[in-house]
Amino acid sequence: MSEAANDTIRVVVCVNMMRGPRGKCCELSGSPEIADALEKGVRERSLAVRIERIVCLGKCNDGPNLRFVGGEFRQNLSMDDVPTLLDEFEERAGKNDAGAMLYPGA
């Protein structure tokens, strides 16, 4: 696990519907479904990650796109990338301890 484990990280996923100069946009390329799957995976794994939807990251022709807030982009995403992204989120941020049980059976 990374040194940032247990620090909530923010990830923004572009869900823009406006087509870029070449007629491509994240929304039409499947970004809402990717965002849904990431949100579901984060909940199921109890990851210390907050997924946010954003209107535009300015990289329409390379979408679907996401960005680690304050960090790097992931571009040309598909649903096939979701498991790998969730693994990366877990490595970077770890589990969210806020929902941990105080004792077994609680």
C-alpha atoms as a PDB file:
ATOM      1  CA  MET A   1       0.000   0.000   0.000  1.00  0.00           C
ATOM      2  CA  SER A   2       1.232   3.521  -0.734  1.00  0.00           C
ATOM      3  CA  GLU A   3       2.196   6.120   1.837  1.00  0.00           C
ATOM      4  CA  ALA A   4      -1.060   7.923   1.020  1.00  0.00           C
ATOM      5  CA  ALA A   5      -3.087   4.947   2.235  1.00  0.00           C
ATOM      6  CA  ASN A   6      -6.226   5.898   4.141  1.00  0.00           C
ATOM      7  CA  ASP A   7      -6.154   9.477   2.796  1.00  0.00           C
ATOM      8  CA  THR A   8      -9.240  10.086   0.685  1.00  0.00           C
ATOM      9  CA  ILE A   9      -8.308  10.818  -2.893  1.00  0.00           C
ATOM     10  CA  ARG A  10     -10.514  12.645  -5.358  1.00  0.00           C
ATOM     11  CA  VAL A  11     -10.997  11.468  -8.901  1.00  0.00           C
ATOM     12  CA  VAL A  12     -12.978  13.463 -11.456  1.00  0.00           C
ATOM     13  CA  VAL A  13     -14.641  11.748 -14.394  1.00  0.00           C
ATOM     14  CA  CYS A  14     -15.671  13.839 -17.389  1.00  0.00           C
ATOM     15  CA  VAL A  15     -19.290  13.289 -18.423  1.00  0.00           C
ATOM     16  CA  ASN A  16     -19.480  16.159 -20.913  1.00  0.00           C
ATOM     17  CA  MET A  17     -22.097  15.906 -23.678  1.00  0.00           C
ATOM     18  CA  MET A  18     -20.606  18.622 -25.897  1.00  0.00           C
ATOM     19  CA  ARG A  19     -18.689  17.291 -28.852  1.00  0.00           C
ATOM     20  CA  GLY A  20     -15.127  18.377 -29.362  1.00  0.00           C
ATOM     21  CA  PRO A  21     -13.692  19.659 -32.652  1.00  0.00           C
ATOM     22  CA  ARG A  22     -13.645  16.158 -34.130  1.00  0.00           C
ATOM     23  CA  GLY A  23     -17.149  15.237 -32.983  1.00  0.00           C
ATOM     24  CA  LYS A  24     -16.109  13.125 -29.982  1.00  0.00           C
ATOM     25  CA  CYS A  25     -17.116  13.647 -26.367  1.00  0.00           C
ATOM     26  CA  CYS A  26     -16.735  11.686 -23.153  1.00  0.00           C
ATOM     27  CA  GLU A  27     -20.475  11.217 -22.602  1.00  0.00           C
ATOM     28  CA  LEU A  28     -21.063   9.704 -26.036  1.00  0.00           C
ATOM     29  CA  SER A  29     -18.018   7.463 -25.503  1.00  0.00           C
ATOM     30  CA  GLY A  30     -19.456   5.854 -22.365  1.00  0.00           C
ATOM     31  CA  SER A  31     -18.173   7.966 -19.482  1.00  0.00           C
ATOM     32  CA  PRO A  32     -21.434   7.947 -17.461  1.00  0.00           C
ATOM     33  CA  GLU A  33     -21.348   4.135 -17.377  1.00  0.00           C
ATOM     34  CA  ILE A  34     -17.678   4.198 -16.388  1.00  0.00           C
ATOM     35  CA  ALA A  35     -18.428   6.709 -13.598  1.00  0.00           C
ATOM     36  CA  ASP A  36     -21.335   4.527 -12.383  1.00  0.00           C
ATOM     37  CA  ALA A  37     -19.105   1.430 -12.311  1.00  0.00           C
ATOM     38  CA  LEU A  38     -16.303   3.275 -10.489  1.00  0.00           C
ATOM     39  CA  GLU A  39     -18.730   4.652  -7.893  1.00  0.00           C
ATOM     40  CA  LYS A  40     -20.193   1.178  -7.346  1.00  0.00           C
ATOM     41  CA  GLY A  41     -16.730  -0.413  -7.075  1.00  0.00           C
ATOM     42  CA  VAL A  42     -15.530   2.226  -4.613  1.00  0.00           C
ATOM     43  CA  ARG A  43     -18.600   1.580  -2.427  1.00  0.00           C
ATOM     44  CA  GLU A  44     -18.289  -2.212  -2.644  1.00  0.00           C
ATOM     45  CA  ARG A  45     -14.596  -2.163  -1.763  1.00  0.00           C
ATOM     46  CA  SER A  46     -15.002   0.617   0.857  1.00  0.00           C
ATOM     47  CA  LEU A  47     -12.193   2.595  -0.750  1.00  0.00           C
ATOM     48  CA  ALA A  48     -11.039   5.983   0.523  1.00  0.00           C
ATOM     49  CA  VAL A  49     -11.830   7.551  -2.848  1.00  0.00           C
ATOM     50  CA  ARG A  50     -14.355  10.176  -3.839  1.00  0.00           C
ATOM     51  CA  ILE A  51     -15.558  10.021  -7.450  1.00  0.00           C
ATOM     52  CA  GLU A  52     -16.846  13.304  -8.837  1.00  0.00           C
ATOM     53  CA  ARG A  53     -18.426  13.956 -12.201  1.00  0.00           C
ATOM     54  CA  ILE A  54     -17.191  17.015 -14.061  1.00  0.00           C
ATOM     55  CA  VAL A  55     -18.470  18.772 -17.165  1.00  0.00           C
ATOM     56  CA  CYS A  56     -15.180  18.976 -19.066  1.00  0.00           C
ATOM     57  CA  LEU A  57     -11.489  18.248 -18.695  1.00  0.00           C
ATOM     58  CA  GLY A  58     -10.660  19.827 -22.058  1.00  0.00           C
ATOM     59  CA  LYS A  59      -9.510  16.587 -23.660  1.00  0.00           C
ATOM     60  CA  CYS A  60     -12.629  15.625 -25.648  1.00  0.00           C
ATOM     61  CA  ASN A  61     -10.781  13.820 -28.414  1.00  0.00           C
ATOM     62  CA  ASP A  62      -9.012  11.560 -25.899  1.00  0.00           C
ATOM     63  CA  GLY A  63     -12.098  10.578 -23.885  1.00  0.00           C
ATOM     64  CA  PRO A  64     -13.496   9.148 -21.848  1.00  0.00           C
ATOM     65  CA  ASN A  65     -11.174  10.836 -19.377  1.00  0.00           C
ATOM     66  CA  LEU A  66     -10.599  10.942 -15.664  1.00  0.00           C
ATOM     67  CA  ARG A  67      -8.104  12.799 -13.555  1.00  0.00           C
ATOM     68  CA  PHE A  68      -6.666  12.284 -10.123  1.00  0.00           C
ATOM     69  CA  VAL A  69      -7.248  15.732  -8.592  1.00  0.00           C
ATOM     70  CA  GLY A  70      -3.874  17.442  -8.509  1.00  0.00           C
ATOM     71  CA  GLY A  71      -2.337  14.678 -10.573  1.00  0.00           C
ATOM     72  CA  GLU A  72      -2.346  12.724 -13.767  1.00  0.00           C
ATOM     73  CA  PHE A  73      -4.991  11.885 -16.346  1.00  0.00           C
ATOM     74  CA  ARG A  74      -6.273   8.550 -17.605  1.00  0.00           C
ATOM     75  CA  GLN A  75      -7.577   8.776 -21.159  1.00  0.00           C
ATOM     76  CA  ASN A  76      -9.377   6.686 -23.778  1.00  0.00           C
ATOM     77  CA  LEU A  77     -11.053   4.691 -21.015  1.00  0.00           C
ATOM     78  CA  SER A  78     -13.534   1.878 -21.440  1.00  0.00           C
ATOM     79  CA  MET A  79     -15.499  -0.367 -19.095  1.00  0.00           C
ATOM     80  CA  ASP A  80     -12.629  -2.852 -19.408  1.00  0.00           C
ATOM     81  CA  ASP A  81     -10.411  -0.367 -17.510  1.00  0.00           C
ATOM     82  CA  VAL A  82     -12.661  -0.213 -14.426  1.00  0.00           C
ATOM     83  CA  PRO A  83     -11.174  -3.206 -12.509  1.00  0.00           C
ATOM     84  CA  THR A  84      -7.616  -1.933 -13.054  1.00  0.00           C
ATOM     85  CA  LEU A  85      -8.608   1.579 -11.977  1.00  0.00           C
ATOM     86  CA  LEU A  86     -10.259   0.245  -8.818  1.00  0.00           C
ATOM     87  CA  ASP A  87      -7.099  -1.720  -8.014  1.00  0.00           C
ATOM     88  CA  GLU A  88      -5.055   1.456  -8.512  1.00  0.00           C
ATOM     89  CA  PHE A  89      -7.433   3.432  -6.276  1.00  0.00           C
ATOM     90  CA  GLU A  90      -7.073   0.800  -3.562  1.00  0.00           C
ATOM     91  CA  GLU A  91      -3.279   0.866  -3.813  1.00  0.00           C
ATOM     92  CA  ARG A  92      -3.181   4.659  -3.647  1.00  0.00           C
ATOM     93  CA  ALA A  93      -5.781   5.326  -0.963  1.00  0.00           C
ATOM     94  CA  GLY A  94      -6.559   2.062   0.802  1.00  0.00           C
ATOM     95  CA  LYS A  95      -9.788   1.257   2.571  1.00  0.00           C
ATOM     96  CA  ASN A  96     -12.105   3.769   4.148  1.00  0.00           C
ATOM     97  CA  ASP A  97     -12.010   3.142   7.892  1.00  0.00           C
ATOM     98  CA  ALA A  98     -15.042   5.359   8.574  1.00  0.00           C
ATOM     99  CA  GLY A  99     -17.450   2.463   8.103  1.00  0.00           C
ATOM    100  CA  ALA A 100     -15.413  -0.128  10.002  1.00  0.00           C
ATOM    101  CA  MET A 101     -17.207  -2.078  12.705  1.00  0.00           C
ATOM    102  CA  LEU A 102     -16.147  -1.475  16.280  1.00  0.00           C
ATOM    103  CA  TYR A 103     -16.300  -5.186  17.089  1.00  0.00           C
ATOM    104  CA  PRO A 104     -17.407  -8.321  15.256  1.00  0.00           C
ATOM    105  CA  GLY A 105     -21.154  -8.662  15.101  1.00  0.00           C
ATOM    106  CA  ALA A 106     -21.850  -4.981  15.708  1.00  0.00           C
END
